[in-house]
Protein backbone atom coordinates (compact mmCIF):
# COMPACT_ATOMS: atom_id res chain seq x y z
CA MET A 1 -6.08 13.27 -9.95
CA ARG A 2 -3.08 14.34 -9.35
CA THR A 3 0.34 12.69 -8.96
CA ARG A 4 3.35 11.16 -7.11
CA ARG A 5 6.36 9.17 -8.04
CA ILE A 6 8.24 6.08 -7.02
CA GLY A 7 10.90 5.60 -8.70
CA ASP A 8 10.82 6.96 -11.71
CA THR A 9 7.09 6.36 -12.19
CA GLN A 10 4.59 8.56 -11.95
CA VAL A 11 1.56 7.88 -9.46
CA SER A 12 -2.10 9.00 -8.41
CA ALA A 13 -1.67 10.55 -5.16
CA ILE A 14 -3.49 7.96 -3.72
CA GLY A 15 -3.05 4.14 -4.32
CA LEU A 16 -5.59 1.38 -4.24
CA GLY A 17 -5.00 -1.05 -0.53
CA GLY A 18 -6.50 -5.14 -1.93
CA MET A 19 -6.23 -6.46 1.45
CA PRO A 20 -9.92 -6.04 2.05
CA LEU A 21 -10.71 -8.20 -1.20
CA SER A 22 -9.14 -11.14 0.02
CA ILE A 23 -8.86 -11.69 3.96
CA ALA A 24 -11.53 -13.06 5.66
CA GLY A 25 -14.97 -10.76 5.67
CA ARG A 26 -14.40 -10.30 2.05
CA PRO A 27 -17.12 -9.40 -0.70
CA ASP A 28 -18.11 -11.12 -3.44
CA ARG A 29 -16.10 -11.51 -7.10
CA GLU A 30 -18.70 -9.07 -8.72
CA ARG A 31 -17.75 -6.59 -5.97
CA ALA A 32 -14.36 -6.54 -5.61
CA VAL A 33 -13.84 -6.35 -9.54
CA ALA A 34 -16.17 -3.68 -9.05
CA THR A 35 -14.58 -1.76 -6.59
CA ILE A 36 -11.10 -2.06 -8.28
CA HIS A 37 -12.70 -0.95 -11.59
CA ALA A 38 -13.97 2.07 -9.30
CA ALA A 39 -11.13 3.33 -8.56
CA LEU A 40 -9.38 2.69 -11.80
CA ASP A 41 -12.64 5.64 -13.48
CA ALA A 42 -10.94 7.62 -10.44
CA GLY A 43 -7.75 7.46 -11.32
CA ILE A 44 -5.74 5.29 -10.06
CA ASN A 45 -3.03 3.78 -11.35
CA LEU A 46 -1.80 2.62 -8.11
CA ILE A 47 -3.69 -1.00 -7.01
CA ASP A 48 -0.68 -3.03 -3.99
CA THR A 49 -1.65 -6.34 -2.88
CA ALA A 50 0.13 -9.04 -1.76
CA ASP A 51 0.66 -12.40 -1.87
CA ALA A 52 -1.18 -13.50 1.88
CA TYR A 53 -3.50 -11.40 0.90
CA SER A 54 -6.07 -14.27 1.61
CA PHE A 55 -7.88 -16.11 3.83
CA ASP A 56 -5.04 -19.03 4.39
CA HIS A 57 -3.04 -20.62 3.18
CA SER A 58 -5.61 -22.72 1.00
CA ASP A 59 -6.01 -20.14 -1.31
CA PHE A 60 -2.66 -18.29 -1.28
CA GLY A 61 -2.06 -16.43 -3.92
CA HIS A 62 -6.38 -15.39 -3.57
CA ASN A 63 -5.32 -11.42 -4.00
CA GLU A 64 -3.03 -11.29 -6.72
CA SER A 65 -4.88 -13.45 -9.24
CA LEU A 66 -8.47 -10.76 -8.12
CA ILE A 67 -6.52 -8.24 -9.59
CA ALA A 68 -4.68 -9.28 -12.78
CA GLY A 69 -8.53 -10.80 -13.23
CA ALA A 70 -10.42 -7.43 -12.82
CA LEU A 71 -7.36 -5.14 -14.79
CA ALA A 72 -7.67 -7.62 -17.37
CA SER A 73 -11.54 -7.38 -17.51
CA TYR A 74 -11.49 -3.75 -17.61
CA SER A 75 -12.85 -1.79 -20.59
CA GLY A 76 -9.47 1.06 -20.66
CA ASP A 77 -6.58 1.82 -20.84
CA THR A 78 -3.94 0.44 -18.13
CA SER A 79 -0.65 0.17 -19.41
CA ASP A 80 -0.05 2.61 -16.89
CA VAL A 81 -1.04 0.58 -13.46
CA LEU A 82 2.09 0.13 -11.59
CA VAL A 83 1.06 -2.93 -9.45
CA ALA A 84 3.03 -3.55 -6.19
CA THR A 85 2.76 -6.81 -3.89
CA LYS A 86 4.72 -8.08 -1.05
CA GLY A 87 6.38 -11.16 -0.75
CA GLY A 88 7.66 -13.50 3.05
CA HIS A 89 5.24 -13.27 4.96
CA THR A 90 3.05 -17.16 4.62
CA ARG A 91 -0.71 -17.64 5.50
CA LEU A 92 -1.69 -20.57 8.21
CA PRO A 93 -3.96 -23.34 8.56
CA GLY A 94 -6.81 -22.02 10.10
CA GLY A 95 -6.17 -18.18 9.35
CA GLY A 96 -3.05 -17.22 10.66
CA TRP A 97 -0.01 -15.37 9.36
CA GLY A 98 3.93 -16.73 9.28
CA LEU A 99 7.06 -15.19 8.54
CA ASN A 100 9.59 -16.00 5.67
CA GLY A 101 12.39 -13.64 4.74
CA THR A 102 14.87 -16.69 3.70
CA PRO A 103 16.30 -15.54 -0.30
CA GLU A 104 14.73 -18.98 -1.29
CA TYR A 105 11.77 -18.26 0.44
CA ILE A 106 11.52 -14.84 -1.62
CA LYS A 107 12.45 -16.00 -4.99
CA GLN A 108 9.81 -18.77 -4.94
CA ALA A 109 7.49 -16.44 -3.79
CA CYS A 110 8.04 -13.62 -6.93
CA GLU A 111 7.41 -16.49 -9.55
CA SER A 112 4.51 -17.14 -7.72
CA SER A 113 3.27 -13.98 -8.10
CA LEU A 114 4.68 -13.03 -11.29
CA LYS A 115 2.03 -15.98 -12.48
CA ASN A 116 -1.03 -14.66 -10.16
CA LEU A 117 -0.71 -11.98 -12.07
CA GLY A 118 0.20 -12.79 -15.35
CA VAL A 119 3.30 -10.30 -16.17
CA GLU A 120 6.97 -10.89 -16.91
CA ALA A 121 8.07 -8.25 -14.31
CA ILE A 122 6.87 -6.87 -11.43
CA GLY A 123 5.85 -3.27 -11.19
CA LEU A 124 6.79 -2.96 -7.29
CA TYR A 125 8.51 -5.96 -5.50
CA GLN A 126 8.51 -5.14 -1.49
CA PHE A 127 9.30 -7.33 1.41
CA HIS A 128 6.75 -7.33 3.37
CA ARG A 129 8.31 -8.11 6.98
CA PRO A 130 11.40 -8.54 8.85
CA ASP A 131 11.57 -11.79 9.85
CA PRO A 132 13.94 -12.19 13.13
CA GLY A 133 15.10 -15.84 11.93
CA VAL A 134 16.74 -13.99 9.04
CA PRO A 135 19.47 -11.14 8.75
CA ILE A 136 17.23 -8.38 6.79
CA ALA A 137 21.56 -8.68 4.40
CA GLU A 138 19.67 -11.34 3.07
CA SER A 139 16.28 -10.85 2.87
CA VAL A 140 16.26 -7.60 1.32
CA GLY A 141 18.98 -9.13 -1.02
CA ALA A 142 17.11 -12.03 -1.85
CA VAL A 143 15.00 -8.49 -3.49
CA ARG A 144 18.39 -6.98 -5.43
CA ASP A 145 19.02 -10.30 -6.98
CA LEU A 146 15.52 -10.03 -8.27
CA LEU A 147 15.76 -6.64 -9.21
CA ASP A 148 19.06 -6.94 -11.64
CA GLU A 149 17.44 -10.34 -13.21
CA GLY A 150 15.17 -7.65 -13.89
CA LYS A 151 12.16 -9.73 -12.69
CA ILE A 152 11.19 -6.59 -11.02
CA ARG A 153 11.01 -3.34 -11.89
CA TYR A 154 11.05 -0.76 -8.51
CA ALA A 155 11.96 -2.60 -4.68
CA GLY A 156 10.11 -1.83 -1.38
CA VAL A 157 10.76 -3.22 1.77
CA SER A 158 8.02 -2.95 4.62
CA ASN A 159 7.55 -3.11 8.11
CA PHE A 160 10.51 -1.81 8.14
CA ASN A 161 12.26 0.95 11.41
CA PRO A 162 14.65 3.63 10.77
CA ALA A 163 17.32 1.78 10.47
CA GLN A 164 16.81 -1.22 8.84
CA ILE A 165 15.89 1.34 6.00
CA LYS A 166 19.16 2.46 5.71
CA GLN A 167 20.10 -0.88 5.65
CA ALA A 168 18.40 -2.18 2.93
CA GLN A 169 18.31 1.94 0.88
CA GLU A 170 22.08 0.15 0.93
CA ILE A 171 22.10 -3.64 -0.13
CA LEU A 172 19.84 -2.28 -2.60
CA GLY A 173 22.93 0.40 -3.56
CA GLY A 174 20.33 2.98 -3.40
CA ARG A 175 17.41 1.78 -5.36
CA LEU A 176 15.59 1.18 -3.00
CA ALA A 177 11.71 2.82 -4.53
CA SER A 178 9.29 2.52 -1.65
CA VAL A 179 8.96 2.06 2.39
CA GLN A 180 5.19 0.15 3.99
CA ASN A 181 5.21 0.62 6.97
CA GLU A 182 1.51 1.44 9.05
CA PHE A 183 0.40 4.48 9.20
CA SER A 184 -2.64 6.65 10.69
CA PRO A 185 -4.37 9.32 12.59
CA SER A 186 -4.48 6.12 15.43
CA PHE A 187 -0.85 4.89 13.67
CA ARG A 188 1.34 7.85 14.45
CA SER A 189 4.89 5.39 15.47
CA SER A 190 5.99 5.99 12.14
CA GLU A 191 6.43 9.20 11.72
CA PRO A 192 10.68 8.90 11.79
CA GLU A 193 10.32 6.16 8.96
CA LEU A 194 7.74 8.51 7.28
CA GLU A 195 10.60 11.63 7.67
CA LEU A 196 13.63 9.07 6.43
CA CYS A 197 11.47 9.12 3.68
CA ALA A 198 11.10 12.13 2.83
CA GLU A 199 14.75 13.18 3.07
CA LEU A 200 15.88 10.48 1.20
CA GLY A 201 13.54 10.94 -1.71
CA ILE A 202 11.92 7.58 -1.45
CA ALA A 203 7.91 6.85 -1.35
CA PHE A 204 6.63 6.55 1.98
CA LEU A 205 3.00 4.04 1.60
CA PRO A 206 1.24 4.63 4.57
CA TRP A 207 -0.69 1.30 5.16
CA SER A 208 -4.11 1.17 6.98
CA PRO A 209 -4.34 4.49 6.42
CA LEU A 210 -7.90 5.01 7.79
CA GLY A 211 -7.42 3.21 10.97
CA GLY A 212 -8.99 4.23 13.51
CA ILE A 213 -12.60 5.09 11.59
CA SER A 214 -15.66 2.23 11.70
CA LYS A 215 -16.31 0.44 8.57
CA ALA A 216 -19.79 2.70 9.76
CA GLY A 217 -17.64 6.17 8.52
CA SER A 218 -17.58 7.04 11.85
CA LEU A 219 -15.39 8.12 14.34
CA GLY A 220 -14.21 7.86 18.27
CA SER A 221 -14.53 11.12 20.21
CA ARG A 222 -10.27 11.25 19.32
CA PHE A 223 -10.17 11.93 15.94
CA ALA A 224 -13.19 14.73 16.04
CA ALA A 225 -11.28 17.50 14.73
CA PHE A 226 -10.86 15.18 10.87
CA ALA A 227 -15.60 14.64 11.32
CA THR A 228 -14.18 18.56 12.30
CA VAL A 229 -12.17 19.92 9.32
CA GLY A 230 -14.69 17.26 7.13
CA ALA A 231 -18.18 19.40 7.63
CA GLY A 232 -16.72 22.58 7.55
CA ARG A 233 -15.48 21.72 4.35
CA GLY A 234 -18.79 19.53 3.19
CA VAL A 235 -16.37 15.93 3.07
CA SER A 236 -15.64 12.89 4.34
CA ALA A 237 -13.32 12.52 7.84
CA GLN A 238 -11.58 10.13 5.72
CA GLN A 239 -10.90 12.63 3.01
CA VAL A 240 -9.93 14.95 5.55
CA CYS A 241 -7.79 12.42 6.57
CA LEU A 242 -5.76 10.85 3.95
CA ALA A 243 -5.39 15.10 2.51
CA TRP A 244 -3.66 15.21 6.06
CA MET A 245 -1.26 13.17 4.70
CA LEU A 246 -0.42 13.83 1.64
CA ALA A 247 0.07 17.42 3.43
CA LYS A 248 2.68 15.65 5.30
CA ALA A 249 5.59 15.25 2.81
CA PRO A 250 5.24 14.63 -1.75
CA VAL A 251 6.72 11.27 -1.51
CA VAL A 252 3.56 10.56 0.67
CA ILE A 253 1.12 7.83 -0.75
CA PRO A 254 -1.94 6.40 0.63
CA ILE A 255 -3.22 3.14 -0.28
CA PRO A 256 -6.67 3.28 0.89
CA GLY A 257 -7.66 -0.89 1.69
CA SER A 258 -11.48 -0.28 0.44
CA SER A 259 -14.35 -3.61 -0.20
CA ARG A 260 -17.01 -1.17 -1.88
CA PRO A 261 -16.74 0.89 -4.23
CA ALA A 262 -18.49 3.85 -3.13
CA SER A 263 -15.42 3.58 -0.45
CA ILE A 264 -12.38 4.03 -3.05
CA GLN A 265 -14.50 6.12 -5.24
CA ASP A 266 -14.47 8.50 -1.74
CA SER A 267 -10.42 8.27 -1.07
CA ALA A 268 -9.58 9.67 -4.40
CA GLN A 269 -10.65 12.94 -4.11
CA ALA A 270 -8.40 13.56 -1.26
CA ALA A 271 -6.16 14.04 -3.62
CA ASP A 272 -7.30 17.48 -4.48
CA LEU A 273 -8.17 18.72 -0.94
CA GLU A 274 -6.02 20.71 -0.20
CA LEU A 275 -6.39 21.60 3.66
CA SER A 276 -4.84 25.47 4.67
CA ALA A 277 -2.21 24.81 8.02
CA GLU A 278 -4.15 25.79 10.42
CA GLU A 279 -5.97 22.75 9.84
CA ILE A 280 -3.16 21.04 9.32
CA ALA A 281 -1.57 22.35 12.75
CA GLU A 282 -5.27 21.67 14.47
CA LEU A 283 -5.11 18.04 13.16
CA ASP A 284 -1.64 17.35 13.76
CA LYS A 285 -2.52 17.83 17.41
CA SER A 286 -5.49 15.06 17.41
């Protein structure tokens, strides 16, 4: 598995997004654990989660606890696995989503995540999404405090625009390690954030990187170019999609979500797929 960098830590060029393992439609625990183990077997050592990845408020923290259990039951060495979690989203009765970016809540959420993950310090802690009711400076300031206190190793933000990224970098004293925004063939409006991260040397983690690709693995007409390149290479369109992202900049680390061992094993192989300049240009136009 090729690696890229978050802070001073080398991580696999492809990570595992844990969200599908805990929200509505999630697999049973046995398959969920098998999926995480399959990712580890494939050389993936970056696992992204969040306290809010759950059915609703009643099992808040489900994904963090699931990942902690899967790591504990894995037969191999997991000492180099970087678990990235997030705080600032809440869940409501019935499965709705809410926001709470107050410093008090962020710090409380971090304490809960430490317990769920069973660690003394969280590898990467990300402020999940700006709360319109709370100034960015206050929310990110709480993350800075957690960093200073040693409760988290690296600090990140999610769903931030360029101006907010620059502000976070300033608040954190130049210690912003990552930005996690939506980016996929069907959602490319985060290009400015990706380019800014490349300029600043900050890891950019595309969430929902396979957006637009159905569960069956088929592509809509808009994504025909990815299927065509994949057919020519003898690989899946999903692999082509992830390889296309990796070619965008050395800071890009896609975190495809998966609920089946086979799907994350396929995604992991994208780290070794090198596309030609002509293929990349064609995919950029699709």
